[in-house]
Amino acid sequence: MARKTASAGAADPRARVVDAAFRIAARDGWVAVDAAAIARSLKLTQAEVTRLVPDRAALLVALNDKVDGEVVAGLDPDLLREPPRDRLFETLMRRFELLEPYREGLRTLNAECRSDPLLASMLAAGLLLSMRRMLEVAGLGGTPWTMLIHVKALTAIWVYTARTWFADDTEDRARTMAVLDRALERAEGLARSIGLIRSPAR
């Protein structure tokens, strides 16, 4: 898989703030991320930083918007001809790939969530929205109730797989791909067993 650098899209001032915030998080922890630290990193004023990204919650929104937008922009139309599980696999691995430049910062964020309920709730809210977007990118809609189930299930799969991704030191993220593939296979089997999706005709 081709790796993206955090400098991609650096001409966008909001993206530069996001990149700087996650560099600080990777080095000093999420607790060190604030407008003053970002301003020093980018040689901006605090007012300029907060105008672009008002607070930490907005930083998470900005990162998700950036990455999810790039997933949509890079969608191969031929992907929609593939089976649903393959579509989701490719879409989620694409998202992991785009998050590579932020992995260390996200690792510290994930660790600090365990002792910060407010931070955890902000991260969870953004993740639910992103997983809904990933389902839509993969062409997997549904009724409001089935979509709710699918979003929650896909969020659980993402969180489960991310634990491996954070520690995956293989060059092509093979461990991450294997875990994601197995998780999607199990979820598909469960969905068939309870009638959420139909088994293929024999």
N, C-alpha and C. Protein backbone atom coordinates (compact mmCIF):
# COMPACT_ATOMS: atom_id res chain seq x y z
N MET A 1 0.83 -1.19 0.00
CA MET A 1 0.00 0.00 0.00
C MET A 1 0.86 1.24 0.00
N ALA A 2 0.48 2.22 -0.81
CA ALA A 2 1.21 3.47 -0.82
C ALA A 2 0.94 4.23 0.46
N ARG A 3 1.99 4.84 1.01
CA ARG A 3 1.84 5.58 2.25
C ARG A 3 1.66 7.05 1.96
N LYS A 4 0.75 7.68 2.68
CA LYS A 4 0.53 9.11 2.57
C LYS A 4 1.33 9.81 3.67
N THR A 5 1.83 11.00 3.38
CA THR A 5 2.55 11.77 4.37
C THR A 5 1.64 12.81 4.96
N ALA A 6 1.98 13.25 6.17
CA ALA A 6 1.16 14.24 6.85
C ALA A 6 1.23 15.59 6.17
N SER A 7 2.20 15.76 5.25
CA SER A 7 2.31 17.04 4.55
C SER A 7 1.31 17.16 3.41
N ALA A 8 0.66 16.02 3.05
CA ALA A 8 -0.33 16.08 1.99
C ALA A 8 -1.44 17.03 2.39
N GLY A 9 -1.75 17.96 1.50
CA GLY A 9 -2.78 18.93 1.81
C GLY A 9 -2.33 20.00 2.77
N ALA A 10 -0.98 20.16 2.94
CA ALA A 10 -0.47 21.10 3.94
C ALA A 10 -0.77 22.54 3.58
N ALA A 11 -1.14 22.81 2.32
CA ALA A 11 -1.48 24.18 1.93
C ALA A 11 -2.78 24.62 2.58
N ASP A 12 -3.59 23.70 3.02
CA ASP A 12 -4.84 23.99 3.71
C ASP A 12 -4.51 24.37 5.15
N PRO A 13 -4.79 25.61 5.57
CA PRO A 13 -4.40 26.03 6.93
C PRO A 13 -4.99 25.15 8.02
N ARG A 14 -6.24 24.71 7.84
CA ARG A 14 -6.86 23.84 8.86
C ARG A 14 -6.14 22.50 8.93
N ALA A 15 -5.74 21.97 7.78
CA ALA A 15 -5.01 20.71 7.75
C ALA A 15 -3.65 20.86 8.42
N ARG A 16 -3.00 22.01 8.25
CA ARG A 16 -1.71 22.26 8.89
C ARG A 16 -1.85 22.25 10.41
N VAL A 17 -2.94 22.82 10.90
CA VAL A 17 -3.19 22.81 12.35
C VAL A 17 -3.39 21.38 12.85
N VAL A 18 -4.16 20.59 12.11
CA VAL A 18 -4.38 19.20 12.49
C VAL A 18 -3.06 18.43 12.50
N ASP A 19 -2.26 18.60 11.45
CA ASP A 19 -0.98 17.91 11.38
C ASP A 19 -0.09 18.28 12.56
N ALA A 20 -0.03 19.58 12.88
CA ALA A 20 0.80 20.04 13.99
C ALA A 20 0.30 19.47 15.32
N ALA A 21 -1.01 19.45 15.50
CA ALA A 21 -1.58 18.92 16.75
C ALA A 21 -1.20 17.47 16.96
N PHE A 22 -1.24 16.67 15.91
CA PHE A 22 -0.94 15.26 16.08
C PHE A 22 0.55 14.98 16.15
N ARG A 23 1.38 15.88 15.61
CA ARG A 23 2.81 15.76 15.85
C ARG A 23 3.12 16.01 17.33
N ILE A 24 2.47 17.02 17.89
CA ILE A 24 2.65 17.31 19.32
C ILE A 24 2.16 16.14 20.16
N ALA A 25 1.00 15.60 19.81
CA ALA A 25 0.44 14.46 20.55
C ALA A 25 1.37 13.26 20.50
N ALA A 26 1.98 13.00 19.33
CA ALA A 26 2.89 11.87 19.19
C ALA A 26 4.12 12.04 20.07
N ARG A 27 4.58 13.28 20.21
CA ARG A 27 5.80 13.56 20.97
C ARG A 27 5.55 13.71 22.47
N ASP A 28 4.48 14.42 22.84
CA ASP A 28 4.28 14.82 24.23
C ASP A 28 2.96 14.33 24.84
N GLY A 29 2.15 13.64 24.06
CA GLY A 29 0.85 13.19 24.57
C GLY A 29 -0.25 14.18 24.23
N TRP A 30 -1.48 13.67 24.21
CA TRP A 30 -2.63 14.50 23.85
C TRP A 30 -2.84 15.63 24.84
N VAL A 31 -2.44 15.41 26.10
CA VAL A 31 -2.61 16.43 27.12
C VAL A 31 -1.83 17.71 26.80
N ALA A 32 -0.78 17.57 25.99
CA ALA A 32 0.06 18.73 25.64
C ALA A 32 -0.49 19.51 24.46
N VAL A 33 -1.54 19.01 23.83
CA VAL A 33 -2.09 19.66 22.64
C VAL A 33 -3.01 20.80 23.06
N ASP A 34 -2.61 22.02 22.75
CA ASP A 34 -3.48 23.17 22.97
C ASP A 34 -3.11 24.25 21.95
N ALA A 35 -3.88 25.31 21.95
CA ALA A 35 -3.68 26.36 20.94
C ALA A 35 -2.30 26.97 21.04
N ALA A 36 -1.79 27.14 22.25
CA ALA A 36 -0.47 27.75 22.43
C ALA A 36 0.62 26.88 21.82
N ALA A 37 0.56 25.57 22.08
CA ALA A 37 1.58 24.66 21.54
C ALA A 37 1.51 24.59 20.02
N ILE A 38 0.30 24.55 19.48
CA ILE A 38 0.15 24.51 18.03
C ILE A 38 0.65 25.81 17.41
N ALA A 39 0.32 26.93 18.03
CA ALA A 39 0.76 28.23 17.52
C ALA A 39 2.28 28.31 17.48
N ARG A 40 2.95 27.85 18.54
CA ARG A 40 4.42 27.86 18.55
C ARG A 40 4.97 27.00 17.43
N SER A 41 4.35 25.82 17.23
CA SER A 41 4.83 24.89 16.21
C SER A 41 4.73 25.47 14.81
N LEU A 42 3.66 26.23 14.56
CA LEU A 42 3.40 26.75 13.22
C LEU A 42 3.78 28.22 13.05
N LYS A 43 4.31 28.82 14.15
CA LYS A 43 4.65 30.24 14.12
C LYS A 43 3.44 31.10 13.75
N LEU A 44 2.32 30.78 14.41
CA LEU A 44 1.09 31.53 14.27
C LEU A 44 0.73 32.12 15.64
N THR A 45 -0.27 32.97 15.66
CA THR A 45 -0.79 33.43 16.94
C THR A 45 -1.85 32.44 17.42
N GLN A 46 -2.11 32.45 18.74
CA GLN A 46 -3.16 31.59 19.27
C GLN A 46 -4.51 31.93 18.66
N ALA A 47 -4.73 33.22 18.39
CA ALA A 47 -6.00 33.63 17.79
C ALA A 47 -6.17 33.02 16.42
N GLU A 48 -5.08 32.95 15.64
CA GLU A 48 -5.16 32.35 14.31
C GLU A 48 -5.47 30.86 14.40
N VAL A 49 -4.87 30.19 15.38
CA VAL A 49 -5.11 28.76 15.54
C VAL A 49 -6.55 28.50 15.94
N THR A 50 -7.03 29.23 16.95
CA THR A 50 -8.39 28.98 17.43
C THR A 50 -9.46 29.38 16.42
N ARG A 51 -9.11 30.31 15.54
CA ARG A 51 -10.06 30.66 14.48
C ARG A 51 -10.22 29.48 13.50
N LEU A 52 -9.13 28.78 13.27
CA LEU A 52 -9.17 27.63 12.36
C LEU A 52 -9.76 26.40 13.03
N VAL A 53 -9.31 26.12 14.26
CA VAL A 53 -9.77 24.95 15.00
C VAL A 53 -9.98 25.38 16.45
N PRO A 54 -11.21 25.65 16.85
CA PRO A 54 -11.47 26.28 18.15
C PRO A 54 -11.05 25.49 19.38
N ASP A 55 -11.13 24.15 19.32
CA ASP A 55 -10.84 23.35 20.51
C ASP A 55 -10.44 21.94 20.09
N ARG A 56 -10.21 21.09 21.08
CA ARG A 56 -9.78 19.72 20.80
C ARG A 56 -10.84 18.92 20.06
N ALA A 57 -12.11 19.13 20.44
CA ALA A 57 -13.18 18.43 19.74
C ALA A 57 -13.16 18.78 18.26
N ALA A 58 -12.92 20.05 17.96
CA ALA A 58 -12.86 20.48 16.56
C ALA A 58 -11.66 19.87 15.84
N LEU A 59 -10.57 19.63 16.58
CA LEU A 59 -9.41 18.96 15.97
C LEU A 59 -9.78 17.56 15.50
N LEU A 60 -10.52 16.83 16.34
CA LEU A 60 -10.93 15.48 15.96
C LEU A 60 -11.88 15.51 14.77
N VAL A 61 -12.79 16.47 14.77
CA VAL A 61 -13.72 16.62 13.64
C VAL A 61 -12.93 16.92 12.37
N ALA A 62 -11.96 17.83 12.48
CA ALA A 62 -11.17 18.22 11.31
C ALA A 62 -10.37 17.05 10.76
N LEU A 63 -9.80 16.23 11.64
CA LEU A 63 -9.05 15.05 11.17
C LEU A 63 -9.98 14.08 10.46
N ASN A 64 -11.12 13.79 11.07
CA ASN A 64 -12.06 12.86 10.44
C ASN A 64 -12.56 13.38 9.11
N ASP A 65 -12.88 14.68 9.06
CA ASP A 65 -13.35 15.27 7.79
C ASP A 65 -12.29 15.15 6.71
N LYS A 66 -11.05 15.42 7.09
CA LYS A 66 -9.94 15.36 6.13
C LYS A 66 -9.76 13.95 5.59
N VAL A 67 -9.67 12.99 6.50
CA VAL A 67 -9.39 11.62 6.10
C VAL A 67 -10.59 11.00 5.38
N ASP A 68 -11.78 11.20 5.91
CA ASP A 68 -12.97 10.64 5.26
C ASP A 68 -13.17 11.23 3.87
N GLY A 69 -12.88 12.52 3.74
CA GLY A 69 -12.98 13.16 2.42
C GLY A 69 -12.01 12.56 1.43
N GLU A 70 -10.81 12.21 1.91
CA GLU A 70 -9.82 11.60 1.02
C GLU A 70 -10.21 10.17 0.64
N VAL A 71 -10.87 9.47 1.57
CA VAL A 71 -11.38 8.13 1.23
C VAL A 71 -12.39 8.24 0.09
N VAL A 72 -13.31 9.19 0.22
CA VAL A 72 -14.33 9.39 -0.82
C VAL A 72 -13.68 9.79 -2.14
N ALA A 73 -12.74 10.72 -2.08
CA ALA A 73 -12.11 11.23 -3.30
C ALA A 73 -11.33 10.14 -4.03
N GLY A 74 -10.79 9.19 -3.27
CA GLY A 74 -9.98 8.15 -3.90
C GLY A 74 -10.73 6.87 -4.22
N LEU A 75 -12.06 6.91 -4.11
CA LEU A 75 -12.86 5.72 -4.35
C LEU A 75 -12.74 5.25 -5.80
N ASP A 76 -12.44 3.98 -5.96
CA ASP A 76 -12.43 3.35 -7.28
C ASP A 76 -13.86 2.91 -7.59
N PRO A 77 -14.49 3.46 -8.64
CA PRO A 77 -15.88 3.08 -8.95
C PRO A 77 -16.08 1.58 -9.11
N ASP A 78 -15.03 0.87 -9.55
CA ASP A 78 -15.14 -0.58 -9.73
C ASP A 78 -15.35 -1.31 -8.40
N LEU A 79 -14.97 -0.65 -7.29
CA LEU A 79 -15.13 -1.29 -5.99
C LEU A 79 -16.59 -1.62 -5.70
N LEU A 80 -17.51 -0.81 -6.20
CA LEU A 80 -18.93 -1.02 -5.92
C LEU A 80 -19.49 -2.26 -6.59
N ARG A 81 -18.71 -2.88 -7.47
CA ARG A 81 -19.14 -4.13 -8.10
C ARG A 81 -18.73 -5.35 -7.25
N GLU A 82 -17.92 -5.12 -6.23
CA GLU A 82 -17.43 -6.21 -5.40
C GLU A 82 -18.45 -6.58 -4.32
N PRO A 83 -18.33 -7.77 -3.73
CA PRO A 83 -19.22 -8.15 -2.62
C PRO A 83 -19.08 -7.16 -1.46
N PRO A 84 -20.14 -7.02 -0.65
CA PRO A 84 -20.12 -6.04 0.44
C PRO A 84 -18.92 -6.15 1.38
N ARG A 85 -18.56 -7.37 1.76
CA ARG A 85 -17.42 -7.52 2.70
C ARG A 85 -16.13 -7.03 2.07
N ASP A 86 -15.93 -7.29 0.78
CA ASP A 86 -14.73 -6.80 0.11
C ASP A 86 -14.73 -5.27 0.03
N ARG A 87 -15.92 -4.71 -0.21
CA ARG A 87 -16.01 -3.24 -0.26
C ARG A 87 -15.60 -2.63 1.06
N LEU A 88 -16.13 -3.20 2.15
CA LEU A 88 -15.81 -2.66 3.47
C LEU A 88 -14.34 -2.86 3.80
N PHE A 89 -13.79 -4.00 3.44
CA PHE A 89 -12.37 -4.25 3.71
C PHE A 89 -11.51 -3.20 3.03
N GLU A 90 -11.74 -2.98 1.74
CA GLU A 90 -10.93 -2.01 1.00
C GLU A 90 -11.12 -0.60 1.53
N THR A 91 -12.36 -0.26 1.88
CA THR A 91 -12.64 1.09 2.37
C THR A 91 -11.97 1.35 3.72
N LEU A 92 -12.07 0.38 4.63
CA LEU A 92 -11.47 0.57 5.95
C LEU A 92 -9.95 0.53 5.90
N MET A 93 -9.39 -0.32 5.06
CA MET A 93 -7.93 -0.33 4.94
C MET A 93 -7.43 0.96 4.31
N ARG A 94 -8.20 1.51 3.40
CA ARG A 94 -7.84 2.81 2.84
C ARG A 94 -7.83 3.88 3.93
N ARG A 95 -8.79 3.82 4.83
CA ARG A 95 -8.83 4.79 5.93
C ARG A 95 -7.65 4.61 6.87
N PHE A 96 -7.32 3.37 7.19
CA PHE A 96 -6.13 3.13 8.02
C PHE A 96 -4.88 3.68 7.33
N GLU A 97 -4.80 3.46 6.03
CA GLU A 97 -3.63 3.94 5.27
C GLU A 97 -3.51 5.47 5.37
N LEU A 98 -4.62 6.15 5.22
CA LEU A 98 -4.61 7.62 5.27
C LEU A 98 -4.32 8.14 6.68
N LEU A 99 -4.58 7.33 7.68
CA LEU A 99 -4.31 7.72 9.07
C LEU A 99 -2.89 7.40 9.51
N GLU A 100 -2.11 6.75 8.65
CA GLU A 100 -0.74 6.38 9.02
C GLU A 100 0.08 7.56 9.58
N PRO A 101 0.03 8.75 8.95
CA PRO A 101 0.84 9.85 9.48
C PRO A 101 0.44 10.29 10.88
N TYR A 102 -0.74 9.91 11.32
CA TYR A 102 -1.27 10.32 12.61
C TYR A 102 -1.26 9.19 13.64
N ARG A 103 -0.68 8.06 13.27
CA ARG A 103 -0.83 6.86 14.10
C ARG A 103 -0.28 7.05 15.51
N GLU A 104 0.91 7.63 15.63
CA GLU A 104 1.49 7.79 16.96
C GLU A 104 0.67 8.76 17.82
N GLY A 105 0.20 9.83 17.20
CA GLY A 105 -0.66 10.76 17.93
C GLY A 105 -1.96 10.12 18.35
N LEU A 106 -2.54 9.33 17.46
CA LEU A 106 -3.78 8.62 17.79
C LEU A 106 -3.57 7.57 18.86
N ARG A 107 -2.37 6.97 18.87
CA ARG A 107 -2.07 5.99 19.91
C ARG A 107 -2.10 6.65 21.30
N THR A 108 -1.50 7.84 21.40
CA THR A 108 -1.53 8.54 22.70
C THR A 108 -2.95 8.97 23.05
N LEU A 109 -3.70 9.40 22.03
CA LEU A 109 -5.09 9.79 22.25
C LEU A 109 -5.89 8.61 22.77
N ASN A 110 -5.71 7.46 22.16
CA ASN A 110 -6.44 6.27 22.57
C ASN A 110 -6.09 5.89 24.01
N ALA A 111 -4.82 6.00 24.38
CA ALA A 111 -4.40 5.65 25.74
C ALA A 111 -5.01 6.61 26.76
N GLU A 112 -5.04 7.90 26.43
CA GLU A 112 -5.55 8.89 27.38
C GLU A 112 -7.06 8.85 27.51
N CYS A 113 -7.75 8.28 26.52
CA CYS A 113 -9.21 8.13 26.59
C CYS A 113 -9.62 7.27 27.78
N ARG A 114 -8.74 6.35 28.18
CA ARG A 114 -9.09 5.43 29.26
C ARG A 114 -9.29 6.15 30.59
N SER A 115 -8.66 7.32 30.73
CA SER A 115 -8.80 8.06 31.99
C SER A 115 -9.49 9.40 31.81
N ASP A 116 -10.03 9.63 30.61
CA ASP A 116 -10.69 10.92 30.32
C ASP A 116 -12.02 10.64 29.62
N PRO A 117 -13.11 10.51 30.38
CA PRO A 117 -14.41 10.17 29.78
C PRO A 117 -14.89 11.18 28.74
N LEU A 118 -14.61 12.46 28.95
CA LEU A 118 -15.04 13.47 27.99
C LEU A 118 -14.31 13.29 26.67
N LEU A 119 -13.01 13.06 26.73
CA LEU A 119 -12.23 12.81 25.52
C LEU A 119 -12.73 11.55 24.82
N ALA A 120 -13.01 10.51 25.60
CA ALA A 120 -13.51 9.26 25.02
C ALA A 120 -14.83 9.47 24.31
N SER A 121 -15.72 10.28 24.89
CA SER A 121 -17.03 10.52 24.27
C SER A 121 -16.89 11.31 22.98
N MET A 122 -15.95 12.27 22.96
CA MET A 122 -15.72 13.04 21.73
C MET A 122 -15.19 12.14 20.62
N LEU A 123 -14.25 11.26 20.99
CA LEU A 123 -13.67 10.35 20.00
C LEU A 123 -14.73 9.39 19.48
N ALA A 124 -15.58 8.88 20.38
CA ALA A 124 -16.62 7.92 19.98
C ALA A 124 -17.63 8.56 19.04
N ALA A 125 -18.03 9.80 19.33
CA ALA A 125 -19.01 10.49 18.48
C ALA A 125 -18.46 10.68 17.07
N GLY A 126 -17.22 11.08 16.97
CA GLY A 126 -16.61 11.27 15.66
C GLY A 126 -16.46 9.97 14.91
N LEU A 127 -16.12 8.91 15.64
CA LEU A 127 -15.92 7.61 15.01
C LEU A 127 -17.22 7.05 14.46
N LEU A 128 -18.32 7.21 15.19
CA LEU A 128 -19.62 6.75 14.70
C LEU A 128 -19.98 7.44 13.39
N LEU A 129 -19.74 8.74 13.31
CA LEU A 129 -20.03 9.48 12.08
C LEU A 129 -19.15 8.99 10.94
N SER A 130 -17.87 8.77 11.23
CA SER A 130 -16.96 8.29 10.19
C SER A 130 -17.35 6.91 9.68
N MET A 131 -17.77 6.03 10.59
CA MET A 131 -18.17 4.70 10.15
C MET A 131 -19.44 4.73 9.31
N ARG A 132 -20.32 5.67 9.61
CA ARG A 132 -21.49 5.84 8.74
C ARG A 132 -21.04 6.27 7.34
N ARG A 133 -20.08 7.19 7.30
CA ARG A 133 -19.55 7.62 6.00
C ARG A 133 -18.92 6.45 5.26
N MET A 134 -18.18 5.60 5.97
CA MET A 134 -17.53 4.47 5.31
C MET A 134 -18.56 3.51 4.72
N LEU A 135 -19.65 3.29 5.44
CA LEU A 135 -20.72 2.45 4.90
C LEU A 135 -21.30 3.05 3.64
N GLU A 136 -21.50 4.36 3.64
CA GLU A 136 -22.06 5.03 2.48
C GLU A 136 -21.08 5.01 1.31
N VAL A 137 -19.79 5.20 1.60
CA VAL A 137 -18.76 5.12 0.56
C VAL A 137 -18.78 3.74 -0.09
N ALA A 138 -18.97 2.71 0.74
CA ALA A 138 -18.99 1.33 0.24
C ALA A 138 -20.31 0.96 -0.41
N GLY A 139 -21.24 1.92 -0.48
CA GLY A 139 -22.52 1.67 -1.11
C GLY A 139 -23.44 0.80 -0.29
N LEU A 140 -23.30 0.87 1.03
CA LEU A 140 -24.10 0.02 1.92
C LEU A 140 -25.00 0.88 2.78
N GLY A 141 -26.16 1.17 2.28
CA GLY A 141 -27.13 1.98 3.01
C GLY A 141 -28.10 1.09 3.76
N GLY A 142 -29.35 1.52 3.84
CA GLY A 142 -30.37 0.74 4.54
C GLY A 142 -31.37 1.62 5.22
N THR A 143 -32.30 1.01 5.91
CA THR A 143 -33.28 1.77 6.68
C THR A 143 -32.57 2.41 7.87
N PRO A 144 -33.18 3.41 8.50
CA PRO A 144 -32.53 4.02 9.68
C PRO A 144 -32.15 3.01 10.74
N TRP A 145 -33.00 2.00 10.99
CA TRP A 145 -32.70 1.04 12.05
C TRP A 145 -31.57 0.10 11.66
N THR A 146 -31.59 -0.40 10.42
CA THR A 146 -30.50 -1.28 10.00
C THR A 146 -29.20 -0.51 9.89
N MET A 147 -29.28 0.76 9.47
CA MET A 147 -28.07 1.57 9.38
C MET A 147 -27.47 1.77 10.77
N LEU A 148 -28.32 1.98 11.76
CA LEU A 148 -27.84 2.15 13.13
C LEU A 148 -27.08 0.90 13.59
N ILE A 149 -27.65 -0.26 13.31
CA ILE A 149 -26.99 -1.52 13.68
C ILE A 149 -25.67 -1.66 12.95
N HIS A 150 -25.67 -1.36 11.65
CA HIS A 150 -24.46 -1.50 10.86
C HIS A 150 -23.37 -0.55 11.32
N VAL A 151 -23.75 0.69 11.64
CA VAL A 151 -22.77 1.67 12.10
C VAL A 151 -22.13 1.21 13.40
N LYS A 152 -22.95 0.76 14.33
CA LYS A 152 -22.41 0.31 15.61
C LYS A 152 -21.52 -0.92 15.43
N ALA A 153 -21.93 -1.83 14.57
CA ALA A 153 -21.13 -3.03 14.33
C ALA A 153 -19.80 -2.66 13.67
N LEU A 154 -19.85 -1.77 12.68
CA LEU A 154 -18.62 -1.39 12.00
C LEU A 154 -17.69 -0.60 12.92
N THR A 155 -18.27 0.19 13.81
CA THR A 155 -17.46 0.91 14.79
C THR A 155 -16.73 -0.08 15.69
N ALA A 156 -17.42 -1.11 16.14
CA ALA A 156 -16.79 -2.13 16.99
C ALA A 156 -15.66 -2.83 16.23
N ILE A 157 -15.89 -3.12 14.95
CA ILE A 157 -14.86 -3.76 14.13
C ILE A 157 -13.65 -2.84 13.99
N TRP A 158 -13.91 -1.55 13.76
CA TRP A 158 -12.81 -0.59 13.62
C TRP A 158 -11.98 -0.52 14.90
N VAL A 159 -12.64 -0.39 16.04
CA VAL A 159 -11.94 -0.28 17.32
C VAL A 159 -11.13 -1.55 17.58
N TYR A 160 -11.72 -2.70 17.32
CA TYR A 160 -11.04 -3.98 17.52
C TYR A 160 -9.80 -4.07 16.63
N THR A 161 -9.94 -3.69 15.37
CA THR A 161 -8.82 -3.77 14.43
C THR A 161 -7.75 -2.74 14.74
N ALA A 162 -8.16 -1.57 15.21
CA ALA A 162 -7.21 -0.50 15.51
C ALA A 162 -6.23 -0.92 16.60
N ARG A 163 -6.64 -1.77 17.51
CA ARG A 163 -5.72 -2.25 18.55
C ARG A 163 -4.53 -2.95 17.92
N THR A 164 -4.77 -3.71 16.87
CA THR A 164 -3.68 -4.37 16.16
C THR A 164 -2.90 -3.35 15.34
N TRP A 165 -3.60 -2.45 14.68
CA TRP A 165 -2.94 -1.42 13.85
C TRP A 165 -1.94 -0.60 14.65
N PHE A 166 -2.31 -0.23 15.87
CA PHE A 166 -1.41 0.58 16.70
C PHE A 166 -0.08 -0.13 16.95
N ALA A 167 -0.11 -1.45 17.00
CA ALA A 167 1.10 -2.22 17.32
C ALA A 167 1.69 -2.93 16.10
N ASP A 168 1.09 -2.76 14.94
CA ASP A 168 1.49 -3.50 13.74
C ASP A 168 2.78 -2.92 13.17
N ASP A 169 3.85 -3.73 13.22
CA ASP A 169 5.13 -3.26 12.70
C ASP A 169 5.50 -3.91 11.36
N THR A 170 4.53 -4.59 10.74
CA THR A 170 4.80 -5.18 9.42
C THR A 170 4.80 -4.09 8.36
N GLU A 171 5.61 -4.27 7.34
CA GLU A 171 5.77 -3.24 6.32
C GLU A 171 4.47 -2.90 5.61
N ASP A 172 3.66 -3.93 5.30
CA ASP A 172 2.42 -3.69 4.56
C ASP A 172 1.18 -3.78 5.46
N ARG A 173 1.38 -3.70 6.77
CA ARG A 173 0.29 -3.79 7.74
C ARG A 173 -0.49 -5.10 7.56
N ALA A 174 0.25 -6.18 7.33
CA ALA A 174 -0.38 -7.49 7.08
C ALA A 174 -1.19 -7.96 8.29
N ARG A 175 -0.68 -7.71 9.50
CA ARG A 175 -1.42 -8.14 10.70
C ARG A 175 -2.75 -7.41 10.79
N THR A 176 -2.73 -6.12 10.48
CA THR A 176 -3.98 -5.34 10.51
C THR A 176 -4.97 -5.89 9.50
N MET A 177 -4.50 -6.16 8.29
CA MET A 177 -5.38 -6.68 7.25
C MET A 177 -5.99 -8.01 7.66
N ALA A 178 -5.18 -8.87 8.27
CA ALA A 178 -5.68 -10.19 8.68
C ALA A 178 -6.76 -10.07 9.75
N VAL A 179 -6.52 -9.21 10.73
CA VAL A 179 -7.50 -9.03 11.80
C VAL A 179 -8.79 -8.44 11.26
N LEU A 180 -8.68 -7.43 10.39
CA LEU A 180 -9.87 -6.82 9.81
C LEU A 180 -10.65 -7.82 8.98
N ASP A 181 -9.96 -8.61 8.19
CA ASP A 181 -10.64 -9.59 7.34
C ASP A 181 -11.41 -10.60 8.19
N ARG A 182 -10.79 -11.09 9.26
CA ARG A 182 -11.47 -12.06 10.12
C ARG A 182 -12.67 -11.42 10.83
N ALA A 183 -12.50 -10.18 11.28
CA ALA A 183 -13.60 -9.50 11.97
C ALA A 183 -14.79 -9.28 11.05
N LEU A 184 -14.52 -8.90 9.82
CA LEU A 184 -15.61 -8.70 8.85
C LEU A 184 -16.28 -10.03 8.50
N GLU A 185 -15.48 -11.08 8.40
CA GLU A 185 -16.05 -12.40 8.10
C GLU A 185 -16.98 -12.85 9.22
N ARG A 186 -16.55 -12.68 10.48
CA ARG A 186 -17.40 -13.06 11.61
C ARG A 186 -18.67 -12.22 11.65
N ALA A 187 -18.54 -10.92 11.39
CA ALA A 187 -19.71 -10.04 11.40
C ALA A 187 -20.69 -10.43 10.30
N GLU A 188 -20.16 -10.78 9.13
CA GLU A 188 -21.03 -11.20 8.04
C GLU A 188 -21.77 -12.48 8.39
N GLY A 189 -21.07 -13.43 9.02
CA GLY A 189 -21.71 -14.68 9.43
C GLY A 189 -22.81 -14.45 10.45
N LEU A 190 -22.55 -13.55 11.39
CA LEU A 190 -23.56 -13.23 12.41
C LEU A 190 -24.77 -12.55 11.77
N ALA A 191 -24.51 -11.63 10.85
CA ALA A 191 -25.61 -10.92 10.18
C ALA A 191 -26.48 -11.88 9.39
N ARG A 192 -25.87 -12.89 8.77
CA ARG A 192 -26.65 -13.89 8.04
C ARG A 192 -27.49 -14.72 9.01
N SER A 193 -26.90 -15.06 10.14
CA SER A 193 -27.59 -15.96 11.08
C SER A 193 -28.83 -15.30 11.70
N ILE A 194 -28.83 -13.97 11.81
CA ILE A 194 -29.99 -13.29 12.40
C ILE A 194 -30.86 -12.62 11.35
N GLY A 195 -30.54 -12.87 10.06
CA GLY A 195 -31.40 -12.40 8.99
C GLY A 195 -31.20 -10.97 8.54
N LEU A 196 -30.10 -10.33 8.97
CA LEU A 196 -29.85 -8.96 8.51
C LEU A 196 -29.44 -8.92 7.05
N ILE A 197 -28.77 -9.99 6.61
CA ILE A 197 -28.45 -10.11 5.19
C ILE A 197 -28.79 -11.54 4.77
N ARG A 198 -29.09 -11.71 3.50
CA ARG A 198 -29.50 -13.02 3.02
C ARG A 198 -28.27 -13.84 2.61
N SER A 199 -28.35 -15.13 2.86
CA SER A 199 -27.33 -16.03 2.38
C SER A 199 -27.45 -16.15 0.86
N PRO A 200 -26.32 -16.31 0.16
CA PRO A 200 -26.41 -16.44 -1.29
C PRO A 200 -27.18 -17.68 -1.68
N ALA A 201 -27.92 -17.58 -2.79
CA ALA A 201 -28.72 -18.72 -3.28
C ALA A 201 -27.78 -19.86 -3.69
N ARG A 202 -28.18 -21.06 -3.38
CA ARG A 202 -27.38 -22.23 -3.75
C ARG A 202 -27.83 -22.75 -5.12
